Amino acid sequence: MSIFWRQVAEYLYLRKRDPKAPRNTNMRLMHGMNRISIIVFLLAVLIMIIRFLILPLFR
């Protein structure tokens, strides 16, 4: 698994965090903001799919 996808899985709690990774306040805050950004992005993509692909089928 590439580093990018491993990090995304760790952000979304799909994979355990690396125990050897540095753990300080700045890293925790950065990972928290990244987690919020990923969740908001996925929510926006889901809303766009519903709005542009699913709703026109019912009109």
Protein backbone atom coordinates (compact mmCIF):
# COMPACT_ATOMS: atom_id res chain seq x y z
CA MET A 1 0.00 0.00 0.00
CA SER A 2 1.38 3.40 -0.89
CA ILE A 3 2.24 5.93 1.78
CA PHE A 4 -0.62 8.22 0.72
CA TRP A 5 -3.35 5.57 1.06
CA ARG A 6 -1.87 4.26 4.31
CA GLN A 7 -1.99 7.77 5.77
CA VAL A 8 -5.60 8.28 4.62
CA ALA A 9 -6.57 4.95 6.20
CA GLU A 10 -4.93 6.03 9.46
CA TYR A 11 -6.76 9.38 9.39
CA LEU A 12 -10.12 7.67 8.94
CA TYR A 13 -9.33 5.03 11.59
CA LEU A 14 -9.40 2.22 9.01
CA ARG A 15 -5.85 1.21 9.90
CA LYS A 16 -3.86 1.30 13.12
CA ARG A 17 -1.43 4.17 13.56
CA ASP A 18 2.27 3.44 13.26
CA PRO A 19 3.60 3.09 16.84
CA LYS A 20 7.03 4.41 15.77
CA ALA A 21 5.60 7.66 14.35
CA PRO A 22 6.43 10.83 16.27
CA ARG A 23 3.67 11.93 18.61
CA ASN A 24 3.52 15.56 19.67
CA THR A 25 0.87 18.26 19.87
CA ASN A 26 1.60 19.79 16.47
CA MET A 27 1.34 16.43 14.69
CA ARG A 28 -1.90 15.60 16.49
CA LEU A 29 -3.43 18.93 15.49
CA MET A 30 -2.26 18.57 11.89
CA HIS A 31 -3.67 15.05 11.62
CA GLY A 32 -6.94 16.22 13.17
CA MET A 33 -7.31 19.00 10.58
CA ASN A 34 -6.45 16.59 7.77
CA ARG A 35 -9.05 14.14 9.07
CA ILE A 36 -11.72 16.87 9.07
CA SER A 37 -10.71 17.94 5.54
CA ILE A 38 -10.96 14.41 4.18
CA ILE A 39 -14.37 13.85 5.77
CA VAL A 40 -15.74 17.16 4.43
CA PHE A 41 -14.35 16.39 0.96
CA LEU A 42 -15.94 12.93 0.90
CA LEU A 43 -19.24 14.37 2.10
CA ALA A 44 -19.14 17.00 -0.68
CA VAL A 45 -18.41 14.33 -3.31
CA LEU A 46 -21.33 12.26 -2.01
CA ILE A 47 -23.67 15.26 -2.17
CA MET A 48 -22.53 16.04 -5.73
CA ILE A 49 -23.14 12.44 -6.83
CA ILE A 50 -26.62 12.49 -5.34
CA ARG A 51 -27.43 15.89 -6.79
CA PHE A 52 -26.10 15.42 -10.31
CA LEU A 53 -26.55 11.70 -10.94
CA ILE A 54 -29.35 10.34 -8.78
CA LEU A 55 -31.87 13.21 -8.53
CA PRO A 56 -32.15 13.76 -12.32
CA LEU A 57 -33.26 10.14 -12.67
CA PHE A 58 -36.43 10.91 -10.67
CA ARG A 59 -37.50 13.98 -12.66
